[in-house]
Amino acid sequence: MTYGAGLDAYKIVLYRQDDGSWVAEVPAISGCYALMPSRQEALAELGRVFDMIAEEFFEKGLRLPEDTTEIVSA
């Protein structure tokens, strides 16, 4: 089911932790992140987390926040 903007409308930050695990997150949505052993698992889990958050917003009659994330290379 679609609840408005999909995950593809958001920037995803993906990085590896010191212990080798991977974090995938959507900075524009508070709490939208996944920590998993592999890059692929983190991205897959992020999709599930995003869907749960989107459903909660929809049930409350709220829109997901707009993505205002900027990627800057240091």
C-alpha atoms as a PDB file:
ATOM      1  CA  MET A   1       0.000   0.000   0.000  1.00  0.00           C
ATOM      2  CA  THR A   2       1.222   3.522  -0.774  1.00  0.00           C
ATOM      3  CA  TYR A   3       1.038   6.238   1.879  1.00  0.00           C
ATOM      4  CA  GLY A   4       2.321   9.173  -0.165  1.00  0.00           C
ATOM      5  CA  ALA A   5       5.958   9.636  -1.060  1.00  0.00           C
ATOM      6  CA  GLY A   6       7.921   6.414  -1.276  1.00  0.00           C
ATOM      7  CA  LEU A   7      11.390   5.694  -0.018  1.00  0.00           C
ATOM      8  CA  ASP A   8      12.802   6.619  -3.425  1.00  0.00           C
ATOM      9  CA  ALA A   9      11.798  10.251  -2.706  1.00  0.00           C
ATOM     10  CA  TYR A  10      14.351  10.400   0.136  1.00  0.00           C
ATOM     11  CA  LYS A  11      18.117  10.471   0.383  1.00  0.00           C
ATOM     12  CA  ILE A  12      19.572   7.471   2.186  1.00  0.00           C
ATOM     13  CA  VAL A  13      22.826   7.628   4.137  1.00  0.00           C
ATOM     14  CA  LEU A  14      24.672   4.319   4.325  1.00  0.00           C
ATOM     15  CA  TYR A  15      27.789   3.776   6.402  1.00  0.00           C
ATOM     16  CA  ARG A  16      29.785   1.033   8.072  1.00  0.00           C
ATOM     17  CA  GLN A  17      30.313   0.939  11.839  1.00  0.00           C
ATOM     18  CA  ASP A  18      33.645   0.124  13.511  1.00  0.00           C
ATOM     19  CA  ASP A  19      32.343  -3.377  14.327  1.00  0.00           C
ATOM     20  CA  GLY A  20      31.634  -4.052  10.636  1.00  0.00           C
ATOM     21  CA  SER A  21      27.856  -3.665  10.824  1.00  0.00           C
ATOM     22  CA  TRP A  22      26.028  -1.318   8.453  1.00  0.00           C
ATOM     23  CA  VAL A  23      23.660   1.569   9.152  1.00  0.00           C
ATOM     24  CA  ALA A  24      21.160   2.796   6.583  1.00  0.00           C
ATOM     25  CA  GLU A  25      19.124   5.858   7.477  1.00  0.00           C
ATOM     26  CA  VAL A  26      16.811   8.500   6.089  1.00  0.00           C
ATOM     27  CA  PRO A  27      17.932  11.705   7.845  1.00  0.00           C
ATOM     28  CA  ALA A  28      14.711  13.523   6.918  1.00  0.00           C
ATOM     29  CA  ILE A  29      12.553  11.134   8.982  1.00  0.00           C
ATOM     30  CA  SER A  30      13.250  10.791  12.689  1.00  0.00           C
ATOM     31  CA  GLY A  31      13.765   7.172  13.695  1.00  0.00           C
ATOM     32  CA  CYS A  32      14.003   5.884  10.127  1.00  0.00           C
ATOM     33  CA  TYR A  33      17.157   3.799  10.258  1.00  0.00           C
ATOM     34  CA  ALA A  34      18.344   0.195  10.269  1.00  0.00           C
ATOM     35  CA  LEU A  35      21.447  -1.450  11.711  1.00  0.00           C
ATOM     36  CA  MET A  36      22.291  -4.835  10.183  1.00  0.00           C
ATOM     37  CA  PRO A  37      25.328  -7.095   9.581  1.00  0.00           C
ATOM     38  CA  SER A  38      25.493  -6.384   5.836  1.00  0.00           C
ATOM     39  CA  ARG A  39      24.894  -3.477   3.495  1.00  0.00           C
ATOM     40  CA  GLN A  40      22.123  -5.343   1.655  1.00  0.00           C
ATOM     41  CA  GLU A  41      20.358  -6.336   4.884  1.00  0.00           C
ATOM     42  CA  ALA A  42      20.504  -2.752   6.180  1.00  0.00           C
ATOM     43  CA  LEU A  43      18.929  -1.402   2.990  1.00  0.00           C
ATOM     44  CA  ALA A  44      16.231  -4.108   2.992  1.00  0.00           C
ATOM     45  CA  GLU A  45      15.404  -3.480   6.648  1.00  0.00           C
ATOM     46  CA  LEU A  46      15.332   0.276   6.035  1.00  0.00           C
ATOM     47  CA  GLY A  47      12.601  -0.324   3.460  1.00  0.00           C
ATOM     48  CA  ARG A  48      10.523  -2.186   6.056  1.00  0.00           C
ATOM     49  CA  VAL A  49      11.120   0.508   8.696  1.00  0.00           C
ATOM     50  CA  PHE A  50      10.144   3.223   6.210  1.00  0.00           C
ATOM     51  CA  ASP A  51       6.907   1.375   5.358  1.00  0.00           C
ATOM     52  CA  MET A  52       5.982   1.077   9.058  1.00  0.00           C
ATOM     53  CA  ILE A  53       6.659   4.763   9.683  1.00  0.00           C
ATOM     54  CA  ALA A  54       4.735   5.783   6.546  1.00  0.00           C
ATOM     55  CA  GLU A  55       1.765   3.678   7.681  1.00  0.00           C
ATOM     56  CA  GLU A  56       1.814   5.352  11.121  1.00  0.00           C
ATOM     57  CA  PHE A  57       1.836   8.806   9.540  1.00  0.00           C
ATOM     58  CA  PHE A  58      -1.030   7.800   7.216  1.00  0.00           C
ATOM     59  CA  GLU A  59      -3.130   6.408  10.075  1.00  0.00           C
ATOM     60  CA  LYS A  60      -2.685   9.693  11.962  1.00  0.00           C
ATOM     61  CA  GLY A  61      -3.625  11.715   8.882  1.00  0.00           C
ATOM     62  CA  LEU A  62      -0.135  13.204   8.642  1.00  0.00           C
ATOM     63  CA  ARG A  63       2.160  13.622   5.673  1.00  0.00           C
ATOM     64  CA  LEU A  64       5.721  12.392   5.740  1.00  0.00           C
ATOM     65  CA  PRO A  65       8.234  15.222   6.074  1.00  0.00           C
ATOM     66  CA  GLU A  66       9.791  16.621   2.928  1.00  0.00           C
ATOM     67  CA  ASP A  67      13.404  15.639   2.334  1.00  0.00           C
ATOM     68  CA  THR A  68      15.590  18.700   2.816  1.00  0.00           C
ATOM     69  CA  THR A  69      18.782  16.674   3.248  1.00  0.00           C
ATOM     70  CA  GLU A  70      21.829  18.010   1.447  1.00  0.00           C
ATOM     71  CA  ILE A  71      24.805  15.820   0.699  1.00  0.00           C
ATOM     72  CA  VAL A  72      28.053  17.750   1.112  1.00  0.00           C
ATOM     73  CA  SER A  73      31.456  16.340   0.405  1.00  0.00           C
ATOM     74  CA  ALA A  74      34.045  17.561   2.909  1.00  0.00           C
END
